[in-house]
Amino acid sequence: MRITSIELTGTSKTTLRDGSPGLPGAFARISRLQGDDQITVELLTPGNERSHEVQADDRDDQWSMAQILQHALDGYEGSNSEINEYLRIIEYLAD
């Protein structure tokens, strides 16, 4: 078995007109085709869709993408331990 795609939902929420929490503020799809040198990260936020290519063998590139994911999905600049959670997901697809 091989996992080729992982989808994440952010913990930060949009706010509805009545002030109650709505849908998550961001979503991400992280994928890598077998044999591909790059991991594709699609980041979906309200009104914006971005796609990033991360080198599967570049730890600095993976760390940078983990920082972007953590900030976009959690809604704040996190600590190294919080960023490491996202890095582990990226590393899983890098192997």
PDB file of N, CA and C in Angstrom:
ATOM      1  N   MET A   1       0.848  -1.172   0.000  1.00  0.00           N
ATOM      2  CA  MET A   1       0.000   0.000   0.000  1.00  0.00           C
ATOM      3  C   MET A   1       0.895   1.238   0.000  1.00  0.00           C
ATOM      4  N   ARG A   2       0.443   2.258  -0.716  1.00  0.00           N
ATOM      5  CA  ARG A   2       1.169   3.527  -0.759  1.00  0.00           C
ATOM      6  C   ARG A   2       0.164   4.670  -0.691  1.00  0.00           C
ATOM      7  N   ILE A   3       0.375   5.588   0.244  1.00  0.00           N
ATOM      8  CA  ILE A   3      -0.464   6.783   0.345  1.00  0.00           C
ATOM      9  C   ILE A   3       0.128   7.836  -0.574  1.00  0.00           C
ATOM     10  N   THR A   4      -0.680   8.391  -1.451  1.00  0.00           N
ATOM     11  CA  THR A   4      -0.188   9.372  -2.424  1.00  0.00           C
ATOM     12  C   THR A   4      -0.762  10.762  -2.200  1.00  0.00           C
ATOM     13  N   SER A   5      -1.741  10.894  -1.302  1.00  0.00           N
ATOM     14  CA  SER A   5      -2.363  12.189  -1.071  1.00  0.00           C
ATOM     15  C   SER A   5      -2.916  12.255   0.348  1.00  0.00           C
ATOM     16  N   ILE A   6      -2.750  13.421   0.964  1.00  0.00           N
ATOM     17  CA  ILE A   6      -3.279  13.656   2.308  1.00  0.00           C
ATOM     18  C   ILE A   6      -3.996  14.998   2.279  1.00  0.00           C
ATOM     19  N   GLU A   7      -5.203  15.058   2.834  1.00  0.00           N
ATOM     20  CA  GLU A   7      -5.964  16.305   2.888  1.00  0.00           C
ATOM     21  C   GLU A   7      -6.074  16.764   4.338  1.00  0.00           C
ATOM     22  N   LEU A   8      -5.885  18.066   4.533  1.00  0.00           N
ATOM     23  CA  LEU A   8      -5.932  18.656   5.869  1.00  0.00           C
ATOM     24  C   LEU A   8      -6.968  19.767   5.914  1.00  0.00           C
ATOM     25  N   THR A   9      -7.579  19.924   7.062  1.00  0.00           N
ATOM     26  CA  THR A   9      -8.529  20.999   7.296  1.00  0.00           C
ATOM     27  C   THR A   9      -7.996  21.868   8.415  1.00  0.00           C
ATOM     28  N   GLY A  10      -8.050  23.162   8.224  1.00  0.00           N
ATOM     29  CA  GLY A  10      -7.540  24.096   9.219  1.00  0.00           C
ATOM     30  C   GLY A  10      -8.381  24.124  10.479  1.00  0.00           C
ATOM     31  N   THR A  11      -7.763  24.561  11.564  1.00  0.00           N
ATOM     32  CA  THR A  11      -8.485  24.679  12.827  1.00  0.00           C
ATOM     33  C   THR A  11      -9.092  26.063  13.002  1.00  0.00           C
ATOM     34  N   SER A  12      -8.549  27.056  12.280  1.00  0.00           N
ATOM     35  CA  SER A  12      -9.161  28.386  12.360  1.00  0.00           C
ATOM     36  C   SER A  12     -10.459  28.362  11.569  1.00  0.00           C
ATOM     37  N   LYS A  13     -11.446  29.076  12.054  1.00  0.00           N
ATOM     38  CA  LYS A  13     -12.775  29.051  11.434  1.00  0.00           C
ATOM     39  C   LYS A  13     -13.143  30.418  10.879  1.00  0.00           C
ATOM     40  N   THR A  14     -13.904  30.394   9.786  1.00  0.00           N
ATOM     41  CA  THR A  14     -14.506  31.627   9.308  1.00  0.00           C
ATOM     42  C   THR A  14     -15.661  31.951  10.251  1.00  0.00           C
ATOM     43  N   THR A  15     -16.119  33.150  10.238  1.00  0.00           N
ATOM     44  CA  THR A  15     -17.216  33.553  11.111  1.00  0.00           C
ATOM     45  C   THR A  15     -18.451  33.848  10.263  1.00  0.00           C
ATOM     46  N   LEU A  16     -19.582  33.298  10.677  1.00  0.00           N
ATOM     47  CA  LEU A  16     -20.840  33.539   9.983  1.00  0.00           C
ATOM     48  C   LEU A  16     -21.393  34.905  10.391  1.00  0.00           C
ATOM     49  N   ARG A  17     -22.379  35.385   9.656  1.00  0.00           N
ATOM     50  CA  ARG A  17     -22.973  36.697   9.944  1.00  0.00           C
ATOM     51  C   ARG A  17     -23.518  36.825  11.355  1.00  0.00           C
ATOM     52  N   ASP A  18     -24.001  35.714  11.893  1.00  0.00           N
ATOM     53  CA  ASP A  18     -24.559  35.765  13.248  1.00  0.00           C
ATOM     54  C   ASP A  18     -23.475  35.663  14.336  1.00  0.00           C
ATOM     55  N   GLY A  19     -22.201  35.620  13.905  1.00  0.00           N
ATOM     56  CA  GLY A  19     -21.090  35.566  14.840  1.00  0.00           C
ATOM     57  C   GLY A  19     -20.636  34.165  15.220  1.00  0.00           C
ATOM     58  N   SER A  20     -21.363  33.144  14.783  1.00  0.00           N
ATOM     59  CA  SER A  20     -20.972  31.774  15.113  1.00  0.00           C
ATOM     60  C   SER A  20     -19.891  31.289  14.144  1.00  0.00           C
ATOM     61  N   PRO A  21     -19.088  30.313  14.577  1.00  0.00           N
ATOM     62  CA  PRO A  21     -18.031  29.810  13.706  1.00  0.00           C
ATOM     63  C   PRO A  21     -18.616  29.090  12.496  1.00  0.00           C
ATOM     64  N   GLY A  22     -17.992  29.311  11.354  1.00  0.00           N
ATOM     65  CA  GLY A  22     -18.431  28.671  10.119  1.00  0.00           C
ATOM     66  C   GLY A  22     -17.478  27.572   9.711  1.00  0.00           C
ATOM     67  N   LEU A  23     -17.222  27.489   8.427  1.00  0.00           N
ATOM     68  CA  LEU A  23     -16.321  26.479   7.888  1.00  0.00           C
ATOM     69  C   LEU A  23     -14.876  26.791   8.249  1.00  0.00           C
ATOM     70  N   PRO A  24     -14.023  25.773   8.201  1.00  0.00           N
ATOM     71  CA  PRO A  24     -12.598  26.048   8.408  1.00  0.00           C
ATOM     72  C   PRO A  24     -12.111  27.114   7.428  1.00  0.00           C
ATOM     73  N   GLY A  25     -11.163  27.929   7.872  1.00  0.00           N
ATOM     74  CA  GLY A  25     -10.667  29.013   7.047  1.00  0.00           C
ATOM     75  C   GLY A  25      -9.731  28.585   5.944  1.00  0.00           C
ATOM     76  N   ALA A  26      -9.243  27.345   5.992  1.00  0.00           N
ATOM     77  CA  ALA A  26      -8.312  26.881   4.961  1.00  0.00           C
ATOM     78  C   ALA A  26      -8.317  25.360   4.884  1.00  0.00           C
ATOM     79  N   PHE A  27      -7.963  24.874   3.714  1.00  0.00           N
ATOM     80  CA  PHE A  27      -7.816  23.451   3.449  1.00  0.00           C
ATOM     81  C   PHE A  27      -6.511  23.261   2.690  1.00  0.00           C
ATOM     82  N   ALA A  28      -5.933  22.067   2.798  1.00  0.00           N
ATOM     83  CA  ALA A  28      -4.720  21.771   2.036  1.00  0.00           C
ATOM     84  C   ALA A  28      -4.782  20.331   1.544  1.00  0.00           C
ATOM     85  N   ARG A  29      -4.246  20.122   0.353  1.00  0.00           N
ATOM     86  CA  ARG A  29      -4.088  18.780  -0.206  1.00  0.00           C
ATOM     87  C   ARG A  29      -2.605  18.630  -0.532  1.00  0.00           C
ATOM     88  N   ILE A  30      -1.982  17.625   0.054  1.00  0.00           N
ATOM     89  CA  ILE A  30      -0.564  17.361  -0.159  1.00  0.00           C
ATOM     90  C   ILE A  30      -0.470  16.036  -0.904  1.00  0.00           C
ATOM     91  N   SER A  31       0.210  16.038  -2.048  1.00  0.00           N
ATOM     92  CA  SER A  31       0.248  14.813  -2.849  1.00  0.00           C
ATOM     93  C   SER A  31       1.592  14.653  -3.551  1.00  0.00           C
ATOM     94  N   ARG A  32       1.879  13.419  -3.882  1.00  0.00           N
ATOM     95  CA  ARG A  32       3.086  13.107  -4.647  1.00  0.00           C
ATOM     96  C   ARG A  32       2.829  11.849  -5.450  1.00  0.00           C
ATOM     97  N   LEU A  33       3.038  11.954  -6.739  1.00  0.00           N
ATOM     98  CA  LEU A  33       2.923  10.796  -7.603  1.00  0.00           C
ATOM     99  C   LEU A  33       4.166   9.930  -7.446  1.00  0.00           C
ATOM    100  N   GLN A  34       4.006   8.637  -7.558  1.00  0.00           N
ATOM    101  CA  GLN A  34       5.129   7.720  -7.408  1.00  0.00           C
ATOM    102  C   GLN A  34       6.218   8.065  -8.423  1.00  0.00           C
ATOM    103  N   GLY A  35       7.442   8.190  -7.929  1.00  0.00           N
ATOM    104  CA  GLY A  35       8.572   8.492  -8.787  1.00  0.00           C
ATOM    105  C   GLY A  35       8.791   9.967  -9.069  1.00  0.00           C
ATOM    106  N   ASP A  36       7.864  10.818  -8.651  1.00  0.00           N
ATOM    107  CA  ASP A  36       7.986  12.259  -8.882  1.00  0.00           C
ATOM    108  C   ASP A  36       8.985  12.854  -7.890  1.00  0.00           C
ATOM    109  N   ASP A  37       9.769  13.832  -8.329  1.00  0.00           N
ATOM    110  CA  ASP A  37      10.763  14.477  -7.473  1.00  0.00           C
ATOM    111  C   ASP A  37      10.152  15.560  -6.590  1.00  0.00           C
ATOM    112  N   GLN A  38       8.901  15.911  -6.854  1.00  0.00           N
ATOM    113  CA  GLN A  38       8.283  17.008  -6.123  1.00  0.00           C
ATOM    114  C   GLN A  38       6.993  16.576  -5.441  1.00  0.00           C
ATOM    115  N   ILE A  39       6.737  17.243  -4.331  1.00  0.00           N
ATOM    116  CA  ILE A  39       5.480  17.085  -3.603  1.00  0.00           C
ATOM    117  C   ILE A  39       4.649  18.317  -3.950  1.00  0.00           C
ATOM    118  N   THR A  40       3.394  18.108  -4.307  1.00  0.00           N
ATOM    119  CA  THR A  40       2.510  19.216  -4.638  1.00  0.00           C
ATOM    120  C   THR A  40       1.639  19.533  -3.434  1.00  0.00           C
ATOM    121  N   VAL A  41       1.609  20.808  -3.072  1.00  0.00           N
ATOM    122  CA  VAL A  41       0.780  21.264  -1.959  1.00  0.00           C
ATOM    123  C   VAL A  41      -0.201  22.284  -2.513  1.00  0.00           C
ATOM    124  N   GLU A  42      -1.485  21.953  -2.449  1.00  0.00           N
ATOM    125  CA  GLU A  42      -2.541  22.874  -2.864  1.00  0.00           C
ATOM    126  C   GLU A  42      -3.147  23.462  -1.600  1.00  0.00           C
ATOM    127  N   LEU A  43      -3.126  24.780  -1.519  1.00  0.00           N
ATOM    128  CA  LEU A  43      -3.637  25.486  -0.347  1.00  0.00           C
ATOM    129  C   LEU A  43      -4.863  26.280  -0.761  1.00  0.00           C
ATOM    130  N   LEU A  44      -5.992  25.958  -0.137  1.00  0.00           N
ATOM    131  CA  LEU A  44      -7.271  26.577  -0.481  1.00  0.00           C
ATOM    132  C   LEU A  44      -7.761  27.426   0.684  1.00  0.00           C
ATOM    133  N   THR A  45      -7.860  28.723   0.459  1.00  0.00           N
ATOM    134  CA  THR A  45      -8.400  29.644   1.444  1.00  0.00           C
ATOM    135  C   THR A  45      -9.540  30.396   0.771  1.00  0.00           C
ATOM    136  N   PRO A  46     -10.432  31.034   1.535  1.00  0.00           N
ATOM    137  CA  PRO A  46     -11.555  31.733   0.907  1.00  0.00           C
ATOM    138  C   PRO A  46     -11.069  32.733  -0.159  1.00  0.00           C
ATOM    139  N   GLY A  47     -11.526  32.533  -1.366  1.00  0.00           N
ATOM    140  CA  GLY A  47     -11.183  33.425  -2.468  1.00  0.00           C
ATOM    141  C   GLY A  47      -9.795  33.242  -3.034  1.00  0.00           C
ATOM    142  N   ASN A  48      -9.075  32.202  -2.610  1.00  0.00           N
ATOM    143  CA  ASN A  48      -7.714  32.036  -3.082  1.00  0.00           C
ATOM    144  C   ASN A  48      -7.336  30.557  -3.130  1.00  0.00           C
ATOM    145  N   GLU A  49      -6.707  30.152  -4.220  1.00  0.00           N
ATOM    146  CA  GLU A  49      -6.193  28.796  -4.353  1.00  0.00           C
ATOM    147  C   GLU A  49      -4.764  28.895  -4.856  1.00  0.00           C
ATOM    148  N   ARG A  50      -3.846  28.316  -4.113  1.00  0.00           N
ATOM    149  CA  ARG A  50      -2.435  28.349  -4.490  1.00  0.00           C
ATOM    150  C   ARG A  50      -1.891  26.939  -4.553  1.00  0.00           C
ATOM    151  N   SER A  51      -0.950  26.746  -5.458  1.00  0.00           N
ATOM    152  CA  SER A  51      -0.276  25.462  -5.580  1.00  0.00           C
ATOM    153  C   SER A  51       1.221  25.686  -5.428  1.00  0.00           C
ATOM    154  N   HIS A  52       1.839  24.859  -4.591  1.00  0.00           N
ATOM    155  CA  HIS A  52       3.274  24.946  -4.335  1.00  0.00           C
ATOM    156  C   HIS A  52       3.922  23.623  -4.713  1.00  0.00           C
ATOM    157  N   GLU A  53       5.136  23.679  -5.223  1.00  0.00           N
ATOM    158  CA  GLU A  53       5.923  22.482  -5.503  1.00  0.00           C
ATOM    159  C   GLU A  53       7.078  22.451  -4.503  1.00  0.00           C
ATOM    160  N   VAL A  54       7.215  21.339  -3.794  1.00  0.00           N
ATOM    161  CA  VAL A  54       8.239  21.176  -2.774  1.00  0.00           C
ATOM    162  C   VAL A  54       9.162  20.041  -3.221  1.00  0.00           C
ATOM    163  N   GLN A  55      10.463  20.299  -3.205  1.00  0.00           N
ATOM    164  CA  GLN A  55      11.420  19.245  -3.565  1.00  0.00           C
ATOM    165  C   GLN A  55      11.390  18.159  -2.497  1.00  0.00           C
ATOM    166  N   ALA A  56      11.156  16.926  -2.922  1.00  0.00           N
ATOM    167  CA  ALA A  56      11.020  15.809  -1.994  1.00  0.00           C
ATOM    168  C   ALA A  56      12.308  15.517  -1.228  1.00  0.00           C
ATOM    169  N   ASP A  57      13.454  15.921  -1.763  1.00  0.00           N
ATOM    170  CA  ASP A  57      14.730  15.630  -1.107  1.00  0.00           C
ATOM    171  C   ASP A  57      15.380  16.874  -0.492  1.00  0.00           C
ATOM    172  N   ASP A  58      14.614  17.941  -0.301  1.00  0.00           N
ATOM    173  CA  ASP A  58      15.166  19.195   0.225  1.00  0.00           C
ATOM    174  C   ASP A  58      14.511  19.527   1.559  1.00  0.00           C
ATOM    175  N   ARG A  59      15.218  19.277   2.644  1.00  0.00           N
ATOM    176  CA  ARG A  59      14.684  19.482   3.994  1.00  0.00           C
ATOM    177  C   ARG A  59      14.305  20.952   4.240  1.00  0.00           C
ATOM    178  N   ASP A  60      15.115  21.898   3.740  1.00  0.00           N
ATOM    179  CA  ASP A  60      14.803  23.316   3.921  1.00  0.00           C
ATOM    180  C   ASP A  60      13.511  23.696   3.198  1.00  0.00           C
ATOM    181  N   ASP A  61      13.320  23.167   2.010  1.00  0.00           N
ATOM    182  CA  ASP A  61      12.099  23.424   1.243  1.00  0.00           C
ATOM    183  C   ASP A  61      10.888  22.844   1.975  1.00  0.00           C
ATOM    184  N   GLN A  62      11.048  21.652   2.529  1.00  0.00           N
ATOM    185  CA  GLN A  62       9.971  21.014   3.290  1.00  0.00           C
ATOM    186  C   GLN A  62       9.628  21.837   4.535  1.00  0.00           C
ATOM    187  N   TRP A  63      10.649  22.321   5.249  1.00  0.00           N
ATOM    188  CA  TRP A  63      10.423  23.115   6.461  1.00  0.00           C
ATOM    189  C   TRP A  63       9.685  24.412   6.114  1.00  0.00           C
ATOM    190  N   SER A  64      10.107  25.061   5.051  1.00  0.00           N
ATOM    191  CA  SER A  64       9.465  26.307   4.625  1.00  0.00           C
ATOM    192  C   SER A  64       7.984  26.078   4.317  1.00  0.00           C
ATOM    193  N   MET A  65       7.680  24.976   3.626  1.00  0.00           N
ATOM    194  CA  MET A  65       6.290  24.668   3.303  1.00  0.00           C
ATOM    195  C   MET A  65       5.507  24.331   4.565  1.00  0.00           C
ATOM    196  N   ALA A  66       6.134  23.651   5.514  1.00  0.00           N
ATOM    197  CA  ALA A  66       5.466  23.328   6.778  1.00  0.00           C
ATOM    198  C   ALA A  66       5.099  24.604   7.533  1.00  0.00           C
ATOM    199  N   GLN A  67       5.968  25.607   7.502  1.00  0.00           N
ATOM    200  CA  GLN A  67       5.670  26.891   8.135  1.00  0.00           C
ATOM    201  C   GLN A  67       4.464  27.552   7.481  1.00  0.00           C
ATOM    202  N   ILE A  68       4.427  27.538   6.157  1.00  0.00           N
ATOM    203  CA  ILE A  68       3.307  28.136   5.419  1.00  0.00           C
ATOM    204  C   ILE A  68       2.009  27.409   5.762  1.00  0.00           C
ATOM    205  N   LEU A  69       2.044  26.078   5.755  1.00  0.00           N
ATOM    206  CA  LEU A  69       0.849  25.289   6.069  1.00  0.00           C
ATOM    207  C   LEU A  69       0.363  25.567   7.489  1.00  0.00           C
ATOM    208  N   GLN A  70       1.279  25.565   8.434  1.00  0.00           N
ATOM    209  CA  GLN A  70       0.882  25.786   9.826  1.00  0.00           C
ATOM    210  C   GLN A  70       0.202  27.139   9.980  1.00  0.00           C
ATOM    211  N   HIS A  71       0.772  28.162   9.405  1.00  0.00           N
ATOM    212  CA  HIS A  71       0.203  29.512   9.533  1.00  0.00           C
ATOM    213  C   HIS A  71      -1.160  29.591   8.848  1.00  0.00           C
ATOM    214  N   ALA A  72      -1.270  29.042   7.649  1.00  0.00           N
ATOM    215  CA  ALA A  72      -2.530  29.112   6.894  1.00  0.00           C
ATOM    216  C   ALA A  72      -3.638  28.290   7.554  1.00  0.00           C
ATOM    217  N   LEU A  73      -3.309  27.100   8.026  1.00  0.00           N
ATOM    218  CA  LEU A  73      -4.340  26.215   8.571  1.00  0.00           C
ATOM    219  C   LEU A  73      -4.695  26.514  10.025  1.00  0.00           C
ATOM    220  N   ASP A  74      -3.715  26.933  10.817  1.00  0.00           N
ATOM    221  CA  ASP A  74      -3.990  27.216  12.230  1.00  0.00           C
ATOM    222  C   ASP A  74      -4.357  28.676  12.470  1.00  0.00           C
ATOM    223  N   GLY A  75      -3.992  29.549  11.537  1.00  0.00           N
ATOM    224  CA  GLY A  75      -4.380  30.952  11.643  1.00  0.00           C
ATOM    225  C   GLY A  75      -3.466  31.825  12.483  1.00  0.00           C
ATOM    226  N   TYR A  76      -2.299  31.324  12.845  1.00  0.00           N
ATOM    227  CA  TYR A  76      -1.338  32.105  13.626  1.00  0.00           C
ATOM    228  C   TYR A  76       0.055  31.533  13.383  1.00  0.00           C
ATOM    229  N   GLU A  77       1.076  32.300  13.729  1.00  0.00           N
ATOM    230  CA  GLU A  77       2.453  31.837  13.589  1.00  0.00           C
ATOM    231  C   GLU A  77       2.787  30.924  14.752  1.00  0.00           C
ATOM    232  N   GLY A  78       3.012  29.660  14.466  1.00  0.00           N
ATOM    233  CA  GLY A  78       3.198  28.667  15.514  1.00  0.00           C
ATOM    234  C   GLY A  78       4.635  28.461  15.936  1.00  0.00           C
ATOM    235  N   SER A  79       4.796  27.653  16.962  1.00  0.00           N
ATOM    236  CA  SER A  79       6.114  27.300  17.471  1.00  0.00           C
ATOM    237  C   SER A  79       6.728  26.203  16.609  1.00  0.00           C
ATOM    238  N   ASN A  80       8.002  25.921  16.844  1.00  0.00           N
ATOM    239  CA  ASN A  80       8.668  24.865  16.080  1.00  0.00           C
ATOM    240  C   ASN A  80       7.974  23.523  16.238  1.00  0.00           C
ATOM    241  N   SER A  81       7.466  23.229  17.429  1.00  0.00           N
ATOM    242  CA  SER A  81       6.796  21.939  17.620  1.00  0.00           C
ATOM    243  C   SER A  81       5.506  21.858  16.807  1.00  0.00           C
ATOM    244  N   GLU A  82       4.808  22.964  16.677  1.00  0.00           N
ATOM    245  CA  GLU A  82       3.582  22.967  15.864  1.00  0.00           C
ATOM    246  C   GLU A  82       3.925  22.820  14.379  1.00  0.00           C
ATOM    247  N   ILE A  83       4.970  23.479  13.940  1.00  0.00           N
ATOM    248  CA  ILE A  83       5.408  23.381  12.548  1.00  0.00           C
ATOM    249  C   ILE A  83       5.890  21.967  12.255  1.00  0.00           C
ATOM    250  N   ASN A  84       6.539  21.336  13.241  1.00  0.00           N
ATOM    251  CA  ASN A  84       7.023  19.966  13.061  1.00  0.00           C
ATOM    252  C   ASN A  84       5.903  18.978  12.756  1.00  0.00           C
ATOM    253  N   GLU A  85       4.710  19.218  13.262  1.00  0.00           N
ATOM    254  CA  GLU A  85       3.578  18.337  12.952  1.00  0.00           C
ATOM    255  C   GLU A  85       3.297  18.334  11.450  1.00  0.00           C
ATOM    256  N   TYR A  86       3.364  19.492  10.841  1.00  0.00           N
ATOM    257  CA  TYR A  86       3.143  19.592   9.398  1.00  0.00           C
ATOM    258  C   TYR A  86       4.337  19.035   8.627  1.00  0.00           C
ATOM    259  N   LEU A  87       5.529  19.240   9.155  1.00  0.00           N
ATOM    260  CA  LEU A  87       6.733  18.718   8.514  1.00  0.00           C
ATOM    261  C   LEU A  87       6.671  17.198   8.435  1.00  0.00           C
ATOM    262  N   ARG A  88       6.215  16.538   9.488  1.00  0.00           N
ATOM    263  CA  ARG A  88       6.121  15.068   9.487  1.00  0.00           C
ATOM    264  C   ARG A  88       5.207  14.559   8.376  1.00  0.00           C
ATOM    265  N   ILE A  89       4.140  15.276   8.099  1.00  0.00           N
ATOM    266  CA  ILE A  89       3.238  14.880   7.013  1.00  0.00           C
ATOM    267  C   ILE A  89       3.939  15.002   5.673  1.00  0.00           C
ATOM    268  N   ILE A  90       4.635  16.110   5.479  1.00  0.00           N
ATOM    269  CA  ILE A  90       5.376  16.309   4.228  1.00  0.00           C
ATOM    270  C   ILE A  90       6.466  15.258   4.082  1.00  0.00           C
ATOM    271  N   GLU A  91       7.185  14.987   5.174  1.00  0.00           N
ATOM    272  CA  GLU A  91       8.253  13.968   5.139  1.00  0.00           C
ATOM    273  C   GLU A  91       7.684  12.585   4.810  1.00  0.00           C
ATOM    274  N   TYR A  92       6.485  12.303   5.282  1.00  0.00           N
ATOM    275  CA  TYR A  92       5.869  11.007   4.992  1.00  0.00           C
ATOM    276  C   TYR A  92       5.747  10.797   3.492  1.00  0.00           C
ATOM    277  N   LEU A  93       5.326  11.844   2.782  1.00  0.00           N
ATOM    278  CA  LEU A  93       5.192  11.730   1.335  1.00  0.00           C
ATOM    279  C   LEU A  93       6.533  11.848   0.619  1.00  0.00           C
ATOM    280  N   ALA A  94       7.557  12.349   1.317  1.00  0.00           N
ATOM    281  CA  ALA A  94       8.879  12.483   0.700  1.00  0.00           C
ATOM    282  C   ALA A  94       9.611  11.149   0.628  1.00  0.00           C
ATOM    283  N   ASP A  95       9.268  10.236   1.525  1.00  0.00           N
ATOM    284  CA  ASP A  95       9.954   8.921   1.542  1.00  0.00           C
ATOM    285  C   ASP A  95       9.579   8.066   0.366  1.00  0.00           C
TER     286      ASP A  95
END
